[in-house]
Amino acid sequence: MEPAAPAPVRRRWRAVDGIVLLDKPQGLSSTQALQRVRRHLQAEKAGHAGTLDPMATGMLPLCFGQATKACGALLGRRKAYSATVVLGVATDTGDAEGLPVASVEVPTFDDDRLERVLASLRGARTQVPPMYSALKRNGRPLYELARQGVEVEREARPITIESLVVTGRSTAGDTPAIDIEVVCSKGTYIRVLAEEIAAGLGTRGHLGALRRLWVDPFAGSAMVTLDEIESTATEPRPAWLAPVDDAFPDLPRLVLDDLATLHLCQGRTLVRPDGLPEAAQFRVYGADGTFLGLVEPGPGDRLQVLRLFVPGAGTSGPVKKVE
């Protein structure tokens, strides 16, 4: 008789709270990268703040445990990218992963002409999302429709291009290319921006390469690679796991005594301390330095719970999602 196959080892998940600023490698989806880090940390709960396409590299904030409540706040922040715009060739997806659909000549242009095109794209404006995107129509992602050859009308969305500069000019194979850096708002598609730049120069184009440099509020923060993470022995709090309150560095800090901490965790309103600066939101800490959550001014010169970041905390009313 054949011996019984050993029972599969059940993974033991644990409570892990914090943020990882992953330098996502090329070739992995954001979800695949998240799951690899989650398995290494053995984290019960995980999410990522913003998606990077498999061809893109760079900063991907990963949130674990209580930090997943901050994902909404991080999704709405400014972002910075370096990118390569390949001129003369258009693809069906708008980037290098797609199939070529047009090959056209690239008119000669000088730096002044290029700057005029870039200037026309800076500032607050609207942009039509691409068909190859995760936006949904009647519950279906647009990219599913695009793969079936179906194109639907998309409503232009407001975006802001805060900065758009050329960092170099090169060639991609036999075609000219422009290297750019962009600082932009939530909802900006760099693939579409690449096509817009090419159109402004009187040709077609696509996004040849993309790297996300930072996401607010982590500009200038160090990233960690998957290799560095997976070569680290499992430990309670590795150096590359940032605390949850790193997501809110600009908010004024308020420290509570033990009684006020109890009331906060019960969802009660708090007396606003004298001398507290004017602000729309505040970071709140217990007397021992534990990050508790966010509060905002409420009626009657009180402070009310906006979001709690402690396990098991209840509220006396609905807690709003931080956007």
C-alpha atoms as a PDB file:
ATOM      1  CA  MET A   1       0.000   0.000   0.000  1.00  0.00           C
ATOM      2  CA  GLU A   2       1.265   3.453  -0.920  1.00  0.00           C
ATOM      3  CA  PRO A   3       2.103   5.634   2.123  1.00  0.00           C
ATOM      4  CA  ALA A   4      -0.297   8.517   2.648  1.00  0.00           C
ATOM      5  CA  ALA A   5       0.899  11.846   1.315  1.00  0.00           C
ATOM      6  CA  PRO A   6       1.960  14.220   4.088  1.00  0.00           C
ATOM      7  CA  ALA A   7      -0.609  16.842   4.983  1.00  0.00           C
ATOM      8  CA  PRO A   8       0.192  20.293   3.554  1.00  0.00           C
ATOM      9  CA  VAL A   9       1.848  22.628   5.998  1.00  0.00           C
ATOM     10  CA  ARG A  10      -0.592  25.344   6.956  1.00  0.00           C
ATOM     11  CA  ARG A  11       0.948  28.795   6.797  1.00  0.00           C
ATOM     12  CA  ARG A  12       0.931  30.674  10.087  1.00  0.00           C
ATOM     13  CA  TRP A  13      -0.021  34.282   9.593  1.00  0.00           C
ATOM     14  CA  ARG A  14       0.736  36.925  12.211  1.00  0.00           C
ATOM     15  CA  ALA A  15      -0.248  40.486  12.994  1.00  0.00           C
ATOM     16  CA  VAL A  16       2.235  42.823  11.305  1.00  0.00           C
ATOM     17  CA  ASP A  17       1.675  46.581  11.176  1.00  0.00           C
ATOM     18  CA  GLY A  18       3.730  48.849   8.962  1.00  0.00           C
ATOM     19  CA  ILE A  19       4.652  50.145   5.516  1.00  0.00           C
ATOM     20  CA  VAL A  20       7.224  48.774   3.078  1.00  0.00           C
ATOM     21  CA  LEU A  21       8.515  51.070   0.319  1.00  0.00           C
ATOM     22  CA  LEU A  22       9.217  48.377  -2.234  1.00  0.00           C
ATOM     23  CA  ASP A  23      11.374  49.017  -5.291  1.00  0.00           C
ATOM     24  CA  LYS A  24       9.191  46.868  -7.523  1.00  0.00           C
ATOM     25  CA  PRO A  25      11.134  44.950 -10.147  1.00  0.00           C
ATOM     26  CA  GLN A  26      10.138  44.763 -13.783  1.00  0.00           C
ATOM     27  CA  GLY A  27       8.006  41.783 -14.796  1.00  0.00           C
ATOM     28  CA  LEU A  28       5.909  41.453 -11.635  1.00  0.00           C
ATOM     29  CA  SER A  29       2.419  42.807 -11.141  1.00  0.00           C
ATOM     30  CA  SER A  30       1.792  44.888  -8.027  1.00  0.00           C
ATOM     31  CA  THR A  31      -0.262  42.052  -6.530  1.00  0.00           C
ATOM     32  CA  GLN A  32       2.459  39.474  -7.192  1.00  0.00           C
ATOM     33  CA  ALA A  33       5.049  41.720  -5.532  1.00  0.00           C
ATOM     34  CA  LEU A  34       2.755  42.314  -2.559  1.00  0.00           C
ATOM     35  CA  GLN A  35       2.132  38.606  -2.030  1.00  0.00           C
ATOM     36  CA  ARG A  36       5.844  37.799  -2.041  1.00  0.00           C
ATOM     37  CA  VAL A  37       6.507  40.364   0.681  1.00  0.00           C
ATOM     38  CA  ARG A  38       3.419  39.276   2.598  1.00  0.00           C
ATOM     39  CA  ARG A  39       4.542  35.646   2.595  1.00  0.00           C
ATOM     40  CA  HIS A  40       7.989  36.631   3.844  1.00  0.00           C
ATOM     41  CA  LEU A  41       6.498  38.712   6.670  1.00  0.00           C
ATOM     42  CA  GLN A  42       3.765  36.103   7.267  1.00  0.00           C
ATOM     43  CA  ALA A  43       1.424  39.086   7.542  1.00  0.00           C
ATOM     44  CA  GLU A  44      -2.283  38.457   8.109  1.00  0.00           C
ATOM     45  CA  LYS A  45      -3.476  41.537   6.238  1.00  0.00           C
ATOM     46  CA  ALA A  46      -1.885  43.365   3.305  1.00  0.00           C
ATOM     47  CA  GLY A  47      -2.619  45.847   0.536  1.00  0.00           C
ATOM     48  CA  HIS A  48      -0.797  48.147  -1.866  1.00  0.00           C
ATOM     49  CA  ALA A  49      -1.293  51.859  -2.378  1.00  0.00           C
ATOM     50  CA  GLY A  50      -1.480  52.335  -6.118  1.00  0.00           C
ATOM     51  CA  THR A  51      -0.751  49.955  -8.978  1.00  0.00           C
ATOM     52  CA  LEU A  52       2.350  49.724 -11.132  1.00  0.00           C
ATOM     53  CA  ASP A  53       2.137  47.854 -14.426  1.00  0.00           C
ATOM     54  CA  PRO A  54       4.417  44.800 -14.746  1.00  0.00           C
ATOM     55  CA  MET A  55       6.768  46.697 -17.099  1.00  0.00           C
ATOM     56  CA  ALA A  56       7.200  49.525 -14.558  1.00  0.00           C
ATOM     57  CA  THR A  57       9.683  49.633 -11.711  1.00  0.00           C
ATOM     58  CA  GLY A  58      10.049  51.794  -8.641  1.00  0.00           C
ATOM     59  CA  MET A  59       8.266  52.821  -5.488  1.00  0.00           C
ATOM     60  CA  LEU A  60       5.259  50.716  -4.532  1.00  0.00           C
ATOM     61  CA  PRO A  61       4.035  51.399  -0.975  1.00  0.00           C
ATOM     62  CA  LEU A  62       2.894  48.136   0.608  1.00  0.00           C
ATOM     63  CA  CYS A  63       0.682  48.380   3.687  1.00  0.00           C
ATOM     64  CA  PHE A  64       0.354  45.670   6.330  1.00  0.00           C
ATOM     65  CA  GLY A  65      -2.065  45.235   9.220  1.00  0.00           C
ATOM     66  CA  GLN A  66      -3.283  48.548  10.614  1.00  0.00           C
ATOM     67  CA  ALA A  67      -1.426  50.376   7.826  1.00  0.00           C
ATOM     68  CA  THR A  68      -3.927  49.059   5.265  1.00  0.00           C
ATOM     69  CA  LYS A  69      -6.290  51.713   6.630  1.00  0.00           C
ATOM     70  CA  ALA A  70      -3.878  54.328   5.217  1.00  0.00           C
ATOM     71  CA  CYS A  71      -4.007  52.992   1.654  1.00  0.00           C
ATOM     72  CA  GLY A  72      -6.802  55.376   0.688  1.00  0.00           C
ATOM     73  CA  ALA A  73      -4.797  58.373   1.889  1.00  0.00           C
ATOM     74  CA  LEU A  74      -1.706  57.297  -0.042  1.00  0.00           C
ATOM     75  CA  LEU A  75      -3.640  56.656  -3.252  1.00  0.00           C
ATOM     76  CA  GLY A  76      -4.598  60.328  -3.481  1.00  0.00           C
ATOM     77  CA  ARG A  77      -1.057  61.701  -3.221  1.00  0.00           C
ATOM     78  CA  ARG A  78       1.302  63.218  -5.780  1.00  0.00           C
ATOM     79  CA  LYS A  79       3.673  60.896  -7.612  1.00  0.00           C
ATOM     80  CA  ALA A  80       6.898  61.315  -9.569  1.00  0.00           C
ATOM     81  CA  TYR A  81       8.129  59.231 -12.504  1.00  0.00           C
ATOM     82  CA  SER A  82      11.009  58.953 -14.911  1.00  0.00           C
ATOM     83  CA  ALA A  83       9.981  57.678 -18.309  1.00  0.00           C
ATOM     84  CA  THR A  84      11.110  57.135 -21.877  1.00  0.00           C
ATOM     85  CA  VAL A  85       8.874  58.243 -24.744  1.00  0.00           C
ATOM     86  CA  VAL A  86       9.598  56.312 -27.939  1.00  0.00           C
ATOM     87  CA  LEU A  87       8.660  58.327 -31.027  1.00  0.00           C
ATOM     88  CA  GLY A  88       7.479  57.089 -34.416  1.00  0.00           C
ATOM     89  CA  VAL A  89       5.794  53.876 -33.255  1.00  0.00           C
ATOM     90  CA  ALA A  90       2.350  53.530 -31.657  1.00  0.00           C
ATOM     91  CA  THR A  91       1.227  50.388 -29.839  1.00  0.00           C
ATOM     92  CA  ASP A  92      -2.234  49.100 -29.001  1.00  0.00           C
ATOM     93  CA  THR A  93      -1.612  49.444 -25.248  1.00  0.00           C
ATOM     94  CA  GLY A  94       0.307  52.722 -25.401  1.00  0.00           C
ATOM     95  CA  ASP A  95       3.414  51.117 -23.926  1.00  0.00           C
ATOM     96  CA  ALA A  96       6.232  48.734 -24.826  1.00  0.00           C
ATOM     97  CA  GLU A  97       4.199  45.668 -23.825  1.00  0.00           C
ATOM     98  CA  GLY A  98       1.702  46.217 -26.635  1.00  0.00           C
ATOM     99  CA  LEU A  99       1.754  45.340 -30.311  1.00  0.00           C
ATOM    100  CA  PRO A 100       2.783  47.993 -32.871  1.00  0.00           C
ATOM    101  CA  VAL A 101      -0.234  49.435 -34.663  1.00  0.00           C
ATOM    102  CA  ALA A 102       1.409  52.318 -36.574  1.00  0.00           C
ATOM    103  CA  SER A 103       4.873  53.359 -37.684  1.00  0.00           C
ATOM    104  CA  VAL A 104       5.254  56.928 -38.905  1.00  0.00           C
ATOM    105  CA  GLU A 105       7.991  59.434 -39.565  1.00  0.00           C
ATOM    106  CA  VAL A 106       9.269  61.687 -36.817  1.00  0.00           C
ATOM    107  CA  PRO A 107       9.562  65.321 -37.913  1.00  0.00           C
ATOM    108  CA  THR A 108      12.730  67.167 -37.017  1.00  0.00           C
ATOM    109  CA  PHE A 109      12.259  69.256 -33.872  1.00  0.00           C
ATOM    110  CA  ASP A 110      14.537  71.383 -31.744  1.00  0.00           C
ATOM    111  CA  ASP A 111      14.584  71.993 -27.999  1.00  0.00           C
ATOM    112  CA  ASP A 112      12.328  75.059 -28.321  1.00  0.00           C
ATOM    113  CA  ARG A 113       9.642  73.070 -30.132  1.00  0.00           C
ATOM    114  CA  LEU A 114       9.847  70.300 -27.559  1.00  0.00           C
ATOM    115  CA  GLU A 115       9.566  72.780 -24.679  1.00  0.00           C
ATOM    116  CA  ARG A 116       6.458  74.355 -26.220  1.00  0.00           C
ATOM    117  CA  VAL A 117       4.822  70.909 -26.397  1.00  0.00           C
ATOM    118  CA  LEU A 118       5.699  70.131 -22.787  1.00  0.00           C
ATOM    119  CA  ALA A 119       4.498  73.557 -21.634  1.00  0.00           C
ATOM    120  CA  SER A 120       1.106  72.899 -23.221  1.00  0.00           C
ATOM    121  CA  LEU A 121       0.752  69.724 -21.131  1.00  0.00           C
ATOM    122  CA  ARG A 122       1.701  71.177 -17.743  1.00  0.00           C
ATOM    123  CA  GLY A 123      -0.731  72.459 -15.155  1.00  0.00           C
ATOM    124  CA  ALA A 124      -4.311  71.557 -14.321  1.00  0.00           C
ATOM    125  CA  ARG A 125      -6.164  69.976 -17.237  1.00  0.00           C
ATOM    126  CA  THR A 126      -8.079  66.867 -18.243  1.00  0.00           C
ATOM    127  CA  GLN A 127      -6.899  63.560 -19.656  1.00  0.00           C
ATOM    128  CA  VAL A 128      -8.844  60.708 -21.250  1.00  0.00           C
ATOM    129  CA  PRO A 129      -7.910  57.360 -19.620  1.00  0.00           C
ATOM    130  CA  PRO A 130      -6.658  54.631 -21.969  1.00  0.00           C
ATOM    131  CA  MET A 131      -8.679  51.569 -22.884  1.00  0.00           C
ATOM    132  CA  TYR A 132      -5.933  49.397 -21.444  1.00  0.00           C
ATOM    133  CA  SER A 133      -6.640  50.372 -17.845  1.00  0.00           C
ATOM    134  CA  ALA A 134      -8.260  48.871 -14.765  1.00  0.00           C
ATOM    135  CA  LEU A 135     -11.134  51.367 -14.859  1.00  0.00           C
ATOM    136  CA  LYS A 136     -14.442  49.561 -15.024  1.00  0.00           C
ATOM    137  CA  ARG A 137     -17.462  49.813 -17.312  1.00  0.00           C
ATOM    138  CA  ASN A 138     -20.540  47.912 -16.145  1.00  0.00           C
ATOM    139  CA  GLY A 139     -18.376  45.984 -13.720  1.00  0.00           C
ATOM    140  CA  ARG A 140     -15.785  44.922 -16.296  1.00  0.00           C
ATOM    141  CA  PRO A 141     -12.228  46.322 -16.488  1.00  0.00           C
ATOM    142  CA  LEU A 142     -11.641  48.305 -19.642  1.00  0.00           C
ATOM    143  CA  TYR A 143      -8.608  46.200 -20.535  1.00  0.00           C
ATOM    144  CA  GLU A 144     -10.862  43.151 -20.908  1.00  0.00           C
ATOM    145  CA  LEU A 145     -12.943  45.013 -23.471  1.00  0.00           C
ATOM    146  CA  ALA A 146      -9.803  46.298 -25.209  1.00  0.00           C
ATOM    147  CA  ARG A 147      -8.465  42.750 -25.596  1.00  0.00           C
ATOM    148  CA  GLN A 148     -11.706  41.869 -27.384  1.00  0.00           C
ATOM    149  CA  GLY A 149     -11.234  44.785 -29.757  1.00  0.00           C
ATOM    150  CA  VAL A 150     -14.035  46.785 -28.146  1.00  0.00           C
ATOM    151  CA  GLU A 151     -13.505  50.488 -27.534  1.00  0.00           C
ATOM    152  CA  VAL A 152     -15.913  52.527 -25.422  1.00  0.00           C
ATOM    153  CA  GLU A 153     -16.106  56.229 -24.748  1.00  0.00           C
ATOM    154  CA  ARG A 154     -14.198  57.353 -21.656  1.00  0.00           C
ATOM    155  CA  GLU A 155     -14.866  60.549 -19.792  1.00  0.00           C
ATOM    156  CA  ALA A 156     -11.929  62.910 -19.440  1.00  0.00           C
ATOM    157  CA  ARG A 157     -10.739  63.238 -15.853  1.00  0.00           C
ATOM    158  CA  PRO A 158      -9.066  66.195 -14.136  1.00  0.00           C
ATOM    159  CA  ILE A 159      -5.330  65.821 -13.551  1.00  0.00           C
ATOM    160  CA  THR A 160      -2.432  68.124 -12.727  1.00  0.00           C
ATOM    161  CA  ILE A 161       1.020  67.917 -14.285  1.00  0.00           C
ATOM    162  CA  GLU A 162       3.045  69.822 -11.722  1.00  0.00           C
ATOM    163  CA  SER A 163       6.401  69.332 -13.411  1.00  0.00           C
ATOM    164  CA  LEU A 164       7.412  67.903 -16.787  1.00  0.00           C
ATOM    165  CA  VAL A 165      11.031  68.175 -17.898  1.00  0.00           C
ATOM    166  CA  VAL A 166      13.344  66.521 -20.413  1.00  0.00           C
ATOM    167  CA  THR A 167      16.307  64.686 -18.912  1.00  0.00           C
ATOM    168  CA  GLY A 168      17.806  63.385 -22.149  1.00  0.00           C
ATOM    169  CA  ARG A 169      17.338  62.419 -25.782  1.00  0.00           C
ATOM    170  CA  SER A 170      18.357  59.044 -27.116  1.00  0.00           C
ATOM    171  CA  THR A 171      17.280  56.281 -29.474  1.00  0.00           C
ATOM    172  CA  ALA A 172      15.317  53.109 -28.812  1.00  0.00           C
ATOM    173  CA  GLY A 173      16.566  50.785 -31.528  1.00  0.00           C
ATOM    174  CA  ASP A 174      16.269  52.818 -34.704  1.00  0.00           C
ATOM    175  CA  THR A 175      13.671  55.233 -33.355  1.00  0.00           C
ATOM    176  CA  PRO A 176      14.277  58.493 -31.481  1.00  0.00           C
ATOM    177  CA  ALA A 177      13.290  58.674 -27.823  1.00  0.00           C
ATOM    178  CA  ILE A 178      12.911  61.326 -25.149  1.00  0.00           C
ATOM    179  CA  ASP A 179      13.650  60.783 -21.466  1.00  0.00           C
ATOM    180  CA  ILE A 180      11.410  62.770 -19.118  1.00  0.00           C
ATOM    181  CA  GLU A 181      10.657  63.254 -15.441  1.00  0.00           C
ATOM    182  CA  VAL A 182       7.100  63.977 -14.300  1.00  0.00           C
ATOM    183  CA  VAL A 183       5.515  65.084 -11.039  1.00  0.00           C
ATOM    184  CA  CYS A 184       1.766  64.614 -11.295  1.00  0.00           C
ATOM    185  CA  SER A 185      -1.501  64.123  -9.474  1.00  0.00           C
ATOM    186  CA  LYS A 186      -3.497  61.001  -8.820  1.00  0.00           C
ATOM    187  CA  GLY A 187      -5.163  59.614 -11.941  1.00  0.00           C
ATOM    188  CA  THR A 188      -2.452  60.641 -14.415  1.00  0.00           C
ATOM    189  CA  TYR A 189      -1.611  57.988 -17.005  1.00  0.00           C
ATOM    190  CA  ILE A 190       2.003  58.335 -18.127  1.00  0.00           C
ATOM    191  CA  ARG A 191       1.232  56.130 -21.159  1.00  0.00           C
ATOM    192  CA  VAL A 192      -1.289  58.702 -22.322  1.00  0.00           C
ATOM    193  CA  LEU A 193       1.137  61.526 -21.556  1.00  0.00           C
ATOM    194  CA  ALA A 194       3.731  59.834 -23.786  1.00  0.00           C
ATOM    195  CA  GLU A 195       1.198  59.684 -26.625  1.00  0.00           C
ATOM    196  CA  GLU A 196       0.286  63.335 -26.036  1.00  0.00           C
ATOM    197  CA  ILE A 197       3.917  64.407 -26.268  1.00  0.00           C
ATOM    198  CA  ALA A 198       4.357  62.496 -29.518  1.00  0.00           C
ATOM    199  CA  ALA A 199       1.165  64.000 -30.964  1.00  0.00           C
ATOM    200  CA  GLY A 200       2.366  67.488 -30.048  1.00  0.00           C
ATOM    201  CA  LEU A 201       5.541  66.817 -32.040  1.00  0.00           C
ATOM    202  CA  GLY A 202       3.487  65.758 -35.073  1.00  0.00           C
ATOM    203  CA  THR A 203       4.037  62.008 -34.810  1.00  0.00           C
ATOM    204  CA  ARG A 204       2.938  58.891 -32.896  1.00  0.00           C
ATOM    205  CA  GLY A 205       4.625  57.300 -29.912  1.00  0.00           C
ATOM    206  CA  HIS A 206       4.430  55.029 -26.907  1.00  0.00           C
ATOM    207  CA  LEU A 207       5.835  54.635 -23.411  1.00  0.00           C
ATOM    208  CA  GLY A 208       9.087  52.703 -23.668  1.00  0.00           C
ATOM    209  CA  ALA A 209      10.050  52.554 -19.983  1.00  0.00           C
ATOM    210  CA  LEU A 210       8.629  53.761 -16.668  1.00  0.00           C
ATOM    211  CA  ARG A 211      10.012  54.078 -13.160  1.00  0.00           C
ATOM    212  CA  ARG A 212       8.137  55.564 -10.210  1.00  0.00           C
ATOM    213  CA  LEU A 213      10.570  57.695  -8.241  1.00  0.00           C
ATOM    214  CA  TRP A 214       8.391  58.451  -5.244  1.00  0.00           C
ATOM    215  CA  VAL A 215       4.886  58.764  -3.860  1.00  0.00           C
ATOM    216  CA  ASP A 216       4.019  61.510  -1.375  1.00  0.00           C
ATOM    217  CA  PRO A 217       4.792  61.644   1.510  1.00  0.00           C
ATOM    218  CA  PHE A 218       7.817  59.412   0.830  1.00  0.00           C
ATOM    219  CA  ALA A 219       9.844  61.644  -1.512  1.00  0.00           C
ATOM    220  CA  GLY A 220      13.504  61.043  -0.699  1.00  0.00           C
ATOM    221  CA  SER A 221      12.805  57.903   1.337  1.00  0.00           C
ATOM    222  CA  ALA A 222      14.886  54.808   0.691  1.00  0.00           C
ATOM    223  CA  MET A 223      13.291  51.850  -1.079  1.00  0.00           C
ATOM    224  CA  VAL A 224      13.996  48.181  -0.451  1.00  0.00           C
ATOM    225  CA  THR A 225      14.265  45.480  -3.112  1.00  0.00           C
ATOM    226  CA  LEU A 226      12.600  42.083  -3.090  1.00  0.00           C
ATOM    227  CA  ASP A 227      16.008  40.427  -2.906  1.00  0.00           C
ATOM    228  CA  GLU A 228      16.899  42.463   0.187  1.00  0.00           C
ATOM    229  CA  ILE A 229      13.576  41.582   1.808  1.00  0.00           C
ATOM    230  CA  GLU A 230      13.726  37.878   1.036  1.00  0.00           C
ATOM    231  CA  SER A 231      17.351  37.620   2.186  1.00  0.00           C
ATOM    232  CA  THR A 232      16.402  39.068   5.587  1.00  0.00           C
ATOM    233  CA  ALA A 233      15.755  36.521   8.285  1.00  0.00           C
ATOM    234  CA  THR A 234      12.190  36.627   9.584  1.00  0.00           C
ATOM    235  CA  GLU A 235      12.138  38.925  12.581  1.00  0.00           C
ATOM    236  CA  PRO A 236       9.429  40.859  14.465  1.00  0.00           C
ATOM    237  CA  ARG A 237      10.312  44.248  12.959  1.00  0.00           C
ATOM    238  CA  PRO A 238      12.878  44.437  10.153  1.00  0.00           C
ATOM    239  CA  ALA A 239      14.533  47.801   9.492  1.00  0.00           C
ATOM    240  CA  TRP A 240      12.711  48.216   6.164  1.00  0.00           C
ATOM    241  CA  LEU A 241       9.245  47.986   7.795  1.00  0.00           C
ATOM    242  CA  ALA A 242       8.294  51.610   8.494  1.00  0.00           C
ATOM    243  CA  PRO A 243       5.784  52.536  11.217  1.00  0.00           C
ATOM    244  CA  VAL A 244       2.182  53.230  10.262  1.00  0.00           C
ATOM    245  CA  ASP A 245       2.322  56.932  11.165  1.00  0.00           C
ATOM    246  CA  ASP A 246       4.995  57.514   8.500  1.00  0.00           C
ATOM    247  CA  ALA A 247       1.991  57.883   6.172  1.00  0.00           C
ATOM    248  CA  PHE A 248       1.022  61.148   7.906  1.00  0.00           C
ATOM    249  CA  PRO A 249       4.260  63.066   8.600  1.00  0.00           C
ATOM    250  CA  ASP A 250       2.818  66.536   8.030  1.00  0.00           C
ATOM    251  CA  LEU A 251      -0.053  66.326  10.531  1.00  0.00           C
ATOM    252  CA  PRO A 252       0.374  67.979  13.947  1.00  0.00           C
ATOM    253  CA  ARG A 253       1.037  65.556  16.801  1.00  0.00           C
ATOM    254  CA  LEU A 254      -1.211  65.263  19.877  1.00  0.00           C
ATOM    255  CA  VAL A 255      -0.317  63.097  22.908  1.00  0.00           C
ATOM    256  CA  LEU A 256      -3.140  61.877  25.161  1.00  0.00           C
ATOM    257  CA  ASP A 257      -3.169  60.723  28.774  1.00  0.00           C
ATOM    258  CA  ASP A 258      -4.468  57.260  29.631  1.00  0.00           C
ATOM    259  CA  LEU A 259      -8.078  58.339  30.219  1.00  0.00           C
ATOM    260  CA  ALA A 260      -8.286  60.303  26.970  1.00  0.00           C
ATOM    261  CA  THR A 261      -6.705  57.321  25.171  1.00  0.00           C
ATOM    262  CA  LEU A 262      -9.466  55.062  26.506  1.00  0.00           C
ATOM    263  CA  HIS A 263     -12.149  57.517  25.408  1.00  0.00           C
ATOM    264  CA  LEU A 264     -10.603  57.830  21.951  1.00  0.00           C
ATOM    265  CA  CYS A 265     -10.514  54.060  21.457  1.00  0.00           C
ATOM    266  CA  GLN A 266     -14.189  53.941  22.463  1.00  0.00           C
ATOM    267  CA  GLY A 267     -14.949  56.450  19.717  1.00  0.00           C
ATOM    268  CA  ARG A 268     -15.841  59.321  22.041  1.00  0.00           C
ATOM    269  CA  THR A 269     -15.124  62.937  21.255  1.00  0.00           C
ATOM    270  CA  LEU A 270     -12.290  64.644  23.131  1.00  0.00           C
ATOM    271  CA  VAL A 271     -11.873  68.085  24.622  1.00  0.00           C
ATOM    272  CA  ARG A 272      -9.657  70.130  22.346  1.00  0.00           C
ATOM    273  CA  PRO A 273      -6.514  71.063  24.326  1.00  0.00           C
ATOM    274  CA  ASP A 274      -5.545  74.706  24.664  1.00  0.00           C
ATOM    275  CA  GLY A 275      -2.784  75.802  22.314  1.00  0.00           C
ATOM    276  CA  LEU A 276      -3.476  73.111  19.713  1.00  0.00           C
ATOM    277  CA  PRO A 277      -2.640  74.542  16.257  1.00  0.00           C
ATOM    278  CA  GLU A 278      -5.309  74.985  13.621  1.00  0.00           C
ATOM    279  CA  ALA A 279      -5.381  71.958  11.328  1.00  0.00           C
ATOM    280  CA  ALA A 280      -7.862  69.788   9.459  1.00  0.00           C
ATOM    281  CA  GLN A 281      -6.478  66.596  11.030  1.00  0.00           C
ATOM    282  CA  PHE A 282      -4.178  65.562  13.883  1.00  0.00           C
ATOM    283  CA  ARG A 283      -2.047  62.506  14.626  1.00  0.00           C
ATOM    284  CA  VAL A 284      -2.868  61.135  18.072  1.00  0.00           C
ATOM    285  CA  TYR A 285      -0.549  59.137  20.349  1.00  0.00           C
ATOM    286  CA  GLY A 286      -0.891  57.491  23.714  1.00  0.00           C
ATOM    287  CA  ALA A 287       1.284  58.475  26.661  1.00  0.00           C
ATOM    288  CA  ASP A 288       3.631  55.577  25.834  1.00  0.00           C
ATOM    289  CA  GLY A 289       4.156  56.856  22.273  1.00  0.00           C
ATOM    290  CA  THR A 290       1.826  54.360  20.586  1.00  0.00           C
ATOM    291  CA  PHE A 291       0.237  55.753  17.436  1.00  0.00           C
ATOM    292  CA  LEU A 292      -3.537  55.621  17.945  1.00  0.00           C
ATOM    293  CA  GLY A 293      -5.046  57.275  14.894  1.00  0.00           C
ATOM    294  CA  LEU A 294      -6.321  60.486  13.375  1.00  0.00           C
ATOM    295  CA  VAL A 295      -8.801  63.000  14.752  1.00  0.00           C
ATOM    296  CA  GLU A 296     -10.398  66.115  13.301  1.00  0.00           C
ATOM    297  CA  PRO A 297     -12.172  69.164  14.744  1.00  0.00           C
ATOM    298  CA  GLY A 298     -15.780  68.398  15.637  1.00  0.00           C
ATOM    299  CA  PRO A 299     -18.762  70.345  16.902  1.00  0.00           C
ATOM    300  CA  GLY A 300     -18.561  72.259  20.156  1.00  0.00           C
ATOM    301  CA  ASP A 301     -14.788  72.760  20.045  1.00  0.00           C
ATOM    302  CA  ARG A 302     -14.260  69.015  20.425  1.00  0.00           C
ATOM    303  CA  LEU A 303     -12.069  66.544  18.534  1.00  0.00           C
ATOM    304  CA  GLN A 304     -13.712  63.541  16.907  1.00  0.00           C
ATOM    305  CA  VAL A 305     -12.342  60.265  15.577  1.00  0.00           C
ATOM    306  CA  LEU A 306     -11.447  60.232  11.902  1.00  0.00           C
ATOM    307  CA  ARG A 307      -9.669  56.873  11.804  1.00  0.00           C
ATOM    308  CA  LEU A 308      -8.285  54.555  14.499  1.00  0.00           C
ATOM    309  CA  PHE A 309      -5.130  52.526  13.875  1.00  0.00           C
ATOM    310  CA  VAL A 310      -5.245  50.249  16.906  1.00  0.00           C
ATOM    311  CA  PRO A 311      -6.588  46.674  16.875  1.00  0.00           C
ATOM    312  CA  GLY A 312      -9.911  46.077  18.553  1.00  0.00           C
ATOM    313  CA  ALA A 313     -10.794  49.750  18.924  1.00  0.00           C
ATOM    314  CA  GLY A 314     -14.472  50.569  18.629  1.00  0.00           C
ATOM    315  CA  THR A 315     -16.324  53.762  17.868  1.00  0.00           C
ATOM    316  CA  SER A 316     -19.607  55.221  18.950  1.00  0.00           C
ATOM    317  CA  GLY A 317     -20.434  56.037  15.362  1.00  0.00           C
ATOM    318  CA  PRO A 318     -19.245  55.387  11.786  1.00  0.00           C
ATOM    319  CA  VAL A 319     -15.563  56.000  11.162  1.00  0.00           C
ATOM    320  CA  LYS A 320     -14.876  57.793   7.906  1.00  0.00           C
ATOM    321  CA  LYS A 321     -12.432  56.478   5.384  1.00  0.00           C
ATOM    322  CA  VAL A 322      -9.389  58.693   4.956  1.00  0.00           C
ATOM    323  CA  GLU A 323      -9.061  59.746   1.340  1.00  0.00           C
END
